[in-house]
C-alpha atoms as a PDB file:
ATOM      1  CA  MET A   1      24.790 -33.690-152.865  1.00  0.00           C
ATOM      2  CA  GLU A   2      28.329 -32.591-152.117  1.00  0.00           C
ATOM      3  CA  THR A   3      30.078 -30.662-154.844  1.00  0.00           C
ATOM      4  CA  LYS A   4      33.482 -31.112-156.413  1.00  0.00           C
ATOM      5  CA  ASN A   5      34.786 -27.990-154.635  1.00  0.00           C
ATOM      6  CA  GLU A   6      33.746 -29.336-151.243  1.00  0.00           C
ATOM      7  CA  ALA A   7      35.398 -32.669-152.030  1.00  0.00           C
ATOM      8  CA  LEU A   8      38.590 -30.921-153.121  1.00  0.00           C
ATOM      9  CA  LYS A   9      38.619 -28.813-149.941  1.00  0.00           C
ATOM     10  CA  PHE A  10      38.149 -31.947-147.845  1.00  0.00           C
ATOM     11  CA  ALA A  11      40.984 -33.754-149.643  1.00  0.00           C
ATOM     12  CA  ILE A  12      43.323 -30.783-149.267  1.00  0.00           C
ATOM     13  CA  LYS A  13      42.440 -30.545-145.579  1.00  0.00           C
ATOM     14  CA  LEU A  14      43.445 -34.205-145.186  1.00  0.00           C
ATOM     15  CA  LEU A  15      46.721 -33.537-146.968  1.00  0.00           C
ATOM     16  CA  THR A  16      47.530 -30.574-144.731  1.00  0.00           C
ATOM     17  CA  LEU A  17      47.371 -32.847-141.691  1.00  0.00           C
ATOM     18  CA  ARG A  18      49.902 -35.311-143.173  1.00  0.00           C
ATOM     19  CA  LYS A  19      51.020 -36.796-146.471  1.00  0.00           C
ATOM     20  CA  ARG A  20      48.674 -39.476-147.761  1.00  0.00           C
ATOM     21  CA  SER A  21      48.590 -42.060-150.516  1.00  0.00           C
ATOM     22  CA  VAL A  22      46.152 -41.941-153.422  1.00  0.00           C
ATOM     23  CA  PHE A  23      44.340 -44.920-151.892  1.00  0.00           C
ATOM     24  CA  GLU A  24      43.922 -43.151-148.542  1.00  0.00           C
ATOM     25  CA  ILE A  25      42.418 -40.057-150.172  1.00  0.00           C
ATOM     26  CA  GLU A  26      40.086 -42.176-152.337  1.00  0.00           C
ATOM     27  CA  THR A  27      38.946 -44.155-149.305  1.00  0.00           C
ATOM     28  CA  ARG A  28      38.279 -41.070-147.189  1.00  0.00           C
ATOM     29  CA  LEU A  29      36.334 -39.421-150.028  1.00  0.00           C
ATOM     30  CA  GLN A  30      34.265 -42.593-150.487  1.00  0.00           C
ATOM     31  CA  LYS A  31      33.494 -42.739-146.763  1.00  0.00           C
ATOM     32  CA  LYS A  32      32.403 -39.126-146.924  1.00  0.00           C
ATOM     33  CA  GLY A  33      29.872 -40.132-149.595  1.00  0.00           C
ATOM     34  CA  TYR A  34      31.319 -38.546-152.715  1.00  0.00           C
ATOM     35  CA  GLU A  35      30.516 -40.178-156.039  1.00  0.00           C
ATOM     36  CA  SER A  36      33.210 -42.062-157.911  1.00  0.00           C
ATOM     37  CA  ASP A  37      33.353 -39.613-160.841  1.00  0.00           C
ATOM     38  CA  ILE A  38      33.995 -36.705-158.438  1.00  0.00           C
ATOM     39  CA  ILE A  39      36.632 -38.764-156.609  1.00  0.00           C
ATOM     40  CA  THR A  40      38.365 -39.523-159.916  1.00  0.00           C
ATOM     41  CA  GLN A  41      38.396 -35.819-160.794  1.00  0.00           C
ATOM     42  CA  ILE A  42      39.747 -34.858-157.381  1.00  0.00           C
ATOM     43  CA  ILE A  43      42.540 -37.462-157.560  1.00  0.00           C
ATOM     44  CA  SER A  44      43.417 -36.223-161.048  1.00  0.00           C
ATOM     45  CA  ASP A  45      43.460 -32.597-159.886  1.00  0.00           C
ATOM     46  CA  LEU A  46      45.605 -33.406-156.851  1.00  0.00           C
ATOM     47  CA  ASN A  47      48.053 -35.293-159.078  1.00  0.00           C
ATOM     48  CA  ASN A  48      48.209 -32.350-161.467  1.00  0.00           C
ATOM     49  CA  TYR A  49      48.863 -29.948-158.571  1.00  0.00           C
ATOM     50  CA  LYS A  50      51.557 -32.399-157.390  1.00  0.00           C
ATOM     51  CA  TYR A  51      49.824 -32.749-154.019  1.00  0.00           C
ATOM     52  CA  LEU A  52      49.544 -36.523-154.420  1.00  0.00           C
ATOM     53  CA  ASN A  53      52.401 -38.808-155.371  1.00  0.00           C
ATOM     54  CA  ASP A  54      52.674 -42.358-154.045  1.00  0.00           C
ATOM     55  CA  GLU A  55      56.457 -42.501-154.570  1.00  0.00           C
ATOM     56  CA  ILE A  56      57.063 -39.333-152.549  1.00  0.00           C
ATOM     57  CA  PHE A  57      54.571 -40.519-149.917  1.00  0.00           C
ATOM     58  CA  THR A  58      56.382 -43.881-149.676  1.00  0.00           C
ATOM     59  CA  GLU A  59      59.775 -42.216-149.343  1.00  0.00           C
ATOM     60  CA  SER A  60      58.523 -39.899-146.617  1.00  0.00           C
ATOM     61  CA  TYR A  61      56.757 -42.740-144.791  1.00  0.00           C
ATOM     62  CA  ILE A  62      59.859 -44.953-144.775  1.00  0.00           C
ATOM     63  CA  ASN A  63      62.111 -42.113-143.573  1.00  0.00           C
ATOM     64  CA  ASP A  64      59.703 -41.164-140.793  1.00  0.00           C
ATOM     65  CA  ARG A  65      59.270 -44.783-139.729  1.00  0.00           C
ATOM     66  CA  MET A  66      63.005 -45.461-139.604  1.00  0.00           C
ATOM     67  CA  ASN A  67      63.817 -42.221-137.769  1.00  0.00           C
ATOM     68  CA  PHE A  68      60.993 -42.041-135.238  1.00  0.00           C
ATOM     69  CA  ARG A  69      59.598 -45.549-134.764  1.00  0.00           C
ATOM     70  CA  PRO A  70      62.184 -48.020-136.126  1.00  0.00           C
ATOM     71  CA  CYS A  71      60.940 -51.300-137.450  1.00  0.00           C
ATOM     72  CA  GLY A  72      61.884 -53.919-140.028  1.00  0.00           C
ATOM     73  CA  ARG A  73      61.254 -54.095-143.748  1.00  0.00           C
ATOM     74  CA  PHE A  74      58.445 -56.626-143.341  1.00  0.00           C
ATOM     75  CA  LEU A  75      56.340 -54.340-141.152  1.00  0.00           C
ATOM     76  CA  ILE A  76      56.979 -51.307-143.365  1.00  0.00           C
ATOM     77  CA  LYS A  77      55.937 -53.313-146.436  1.00  0.00           C
ATOM     78  CA  ASN A  78      52.702 -54.365-144.761  1.00  0.00           C
ATOM     79  CA  GLU A  79      51.901 -50.852-143.573  1.00  0.00           C
ATOM     80  CA  LEU A  80      52.491 -49.437-147.056  1.00  0.00           C
ATOM     81  CA  LYS A  81      50.366 -52.175-148.669  1.00  0.00           C
ATOM     82  CA  GLU A  82      47.541 -51.238-146.283  1.00  0.00           C
ATOM     83  CA  ARG A  83      47.855 -47.694-147.601  1.00  0.00           C
ATOM     84  CA  GLY A  84      47.433 -48.891-151.181  1.00  0.00           C
ATOM     85  CA  ILE A  85      51.030 -48.536-152.345  1.00  0.00           C
ATOM     86  CA  THR A  86      51.997 -50.923-155.161  1.00  0.00           C
ATOM     87  CA  GLU A  87      54.552 -53.658-154.600  1.00  0.00           C
ATOM     88  CA  ASN A  88      57.021 -52.266-157.138  1.00  0.00           C
ATOM     89  CA  ILE A  89      57.078 -48.799-155.492  1.00  0.00           C
ATOM     90  CA  ILE A  90      57.489 -50.404-152.064  1.00  0.00           C
ATOM     91  CA  GLU A  91      60.389 -52.608-153.178  1.00  0.00           C
ATOM     92  CA  LYS A  92      62.120 -49.783-155.050  1.00  0.00           C
ATOM     93  CA  LYS A  93      61.929 -47.312-152.160  1.00  0.00           C
ATOM     94  CA  ILE A  94      62.859 -49.831-149.460  1.00  0.00           C
ATOM     95  CA  SER A  95      65.956 -50.921-151.368  1.00  0.00           C
ATOM     96  CA  GLU A  96      66.911 -47.259-151.952  1.00  0.00           C
ATOM     97  CA  LEU A  97      66.297 -46.033-148.412  1.00  0.00           C
ATOM     98  CA  ILE A  98      67.000 -48.868-145.966  1.00  0.00           C
ATOM     99  CA  SER A  99      70.445 -50.420-145.729  1.00  0.00           C
ATOM    100  CA  ILE A 100      71.072 -53.679-143.896  1.00  0.00           C
ATOM    101  CA  GLU A 101      73.297 -51.763-141.469  1.00  0.00           C
ATOM    102  CA  GLN A 102      70.496 -49.288-140.722  1.00  0.00           C
ATOM    103  CA  GLU A 103      68.073 -52.113-140.093  1.00  0.00           C
ATOM    104  CA  ILE A 104      70.525 -53.933-137.786  1.00  0.00           C
ATOM    105  CA  GLU A 105      71.165 -50.699-135.878  1.00  0.00           C
ATOM    106  CA  GLY A 106      67.423 -50.075-135.469  1.00  0.00           C
ATOM    107  CA  ALA A 107      66.898 -53.627-134.239  1.00  0.00           C
ATOM    108  CA  ARG A 108      69.857 -53.319-131.874  1.00  0.00           C
ATOM    109  CA  LYS A 109      68.447 -50.134-130.323  1.00  0.00           C
ATOM    110  CA  LEU A 110      65.049 -51.755-129.855  1.00  0.00           C
ATOM    111  CA  ALA A 111      66.685 -54.872-128.375  1.00  0.00           C
ATOM    112  CA  VAL A 112      68.508 -52.743-125.798  1.00  0.00           C
ATOM    113  CA  MET A 113      65.304 -50.886-124.898  1.00  0.00           C
ATOM    114  CA  LYS A 114      63.308 -54.119-124.616  1.00  0.00           C
ATOM    115  CA  SER A 115      65.952 -55.876-122.529  1.00  0.00           C
ATOM    116  CA  LYS A 116      65.734 -53.057-119.961  1.00  0.00           C
ATOM    117  CA  THR A 117      62.025 -53.760-119.469  1.00  0.00           C
ATOM    118  CA  ILE A 118      62.412 -57.494-118.851  1.00  0.00           C
ATOM    119  CA  ASN A 119      62.274 -58.650-115.235  1.00  0.00           C
ATOM    120  CA  LYS A 120      65.791 -59.284-113.903  1.00  0.00           C
ATOM    121  CA  ASN A 121      64.611 -62.580-112.322  1.00  0.00           C
ATOM    122  CA  VAL A 122      64.003 -64.101-115.790  1.00  0.00           C
ATOM    123  CA  ASP A 123      66.857 -66.350-116.900  1.00  0.00           C
ATOM    124  CA  SER A 124      68.979 -65.064-119.777  1.00  0.00           C
ATOM    125  CA  PHE A 125      67.665 -67.585-122.333  1.00  0.00           C
ATOM    126  CA  LYS A 126      64.044 -66.597-121.702  1.00  0.00           C
ATOM    127  CA  ALA A 127      64.988 -62.926-121.720  1.00  0.00           C
ATOM    128  CA  MET A 128      66.699 -63.374-125.077  1.00  0.00           C
ATOM    129  CA  GLN A 129      63.615 -65.173-126.446  1.00  0.00           C
ATOM    130  CA  LYS A 130      61.448 -62.258-125.337  1.00  0.00           C
ATOM    131  CA  VAL A 131      63.739 -59.758-127.043  1.00  0.00           C
ATOM    132  CA  LYS A 132      63.755 -61.831-130.256  1.00  0.00           C
ATOM    133  CA  ALA A 133      59.965 -62.175-130.219  1.00  0.00           C
ATOM    134  CA  TYR A 134      59.645 -58.418-129.725  1.00  0.00           C
ATOM    135  CA  LEU A 135      61.949 -57.708-132.669  1.00  0.00           C
ATOM    136  CA  GLN A 136      60.034 -60.174-134.806  1.00  0.00           C
ATOM    137  CA  SER A 137      56.796 -58.364-133.941  1.00  0.00           C
ATOM    138  CA  LYS A 138      58.468 -55.163-135.168  1.00  0.00           C
ATOM    139  CA  GLY A 139      58.951 -56.708-138.617  1.00  0.00           C
ATOM    140  CA  PHE A 140      62.628 -57.621-138.498  1.00  0.00           C
ATOM    141  CA  SER A 141      63.825 -60.729-140.330  1.00  0.00           C
ATOM    142  CA  PHE A 142      65.505 -63.627-138.546  1.00  0.00           C
ATOM    143  CA  GLU A 143      68.875 -62.622-140.046  1.00  0.00           C
ATOM    144  CA  ILE A 144      68.575 -59.026-138.832  1.00  0.00           C
ATOM    145  CA  ILE A 145      67.459 -60.167-135.372  1.00  0.00           C
ATOM    146  CA  SER A 146      70.383 -62.596-135.145  1.00  0.00           C
ATOM    147  CA  GLN A 147      72.870 -59.885-136.100  1.00  0.00           C
ATOM    148  CA  ALA A 148      71.396 -57.321-133.706  1.00  0.00           C
ATOM    149  CA  VAL A 149      71.279 -59.731-130.777  1.00  0.00           C
ATOM    150  CA  LYS A 150      74.736 -61.206-131.537  1.00  0.00           C
ATOM    151  CA  ASN A 151      76.268 -57.735-131.508  1.00  0.00           C
ATOM    152  CA  GLU A 152      74.630 -57.046-128.136  1.00  0.00           C
ATOM    153  CA  ILE A 153      75.876 -60.262-126.544  1.00  0.00           C
ATOM    154  CA  GLU A 154      79.486 -59.725-127.602  1.00  0.00           C
END
């Protein structure tokens, strides 16, 4: 049977690769076959060492997502939920870190990039529909998409 020290080493190794949520660490430790009491101890230790903090993880995740792979609030919320982040942390951090202007600008940049990949023989209405569908798939709301596309048309 794996020991607590081995489990702690494994968890720290995961955290050196990238920041992770409590849920992600728990899940990886479970998959590795560690018992729940050891997992609880490891999570507690990592919290005490300040290696694990879902609020800091959420903040970092949102900043990275907006800077390197822009997307809308809806997609970010879903990705964070999949990582076990609670709704109240998600809402708090999104409202703190993502302004409407930032979201519109991100959508606008993606719209420009997508429009360059659309065949020039496609009529403008269909092209616009493709751009809107792409932005929707990136988690942008209808309002944000409308603003981003309107600014590009003008």
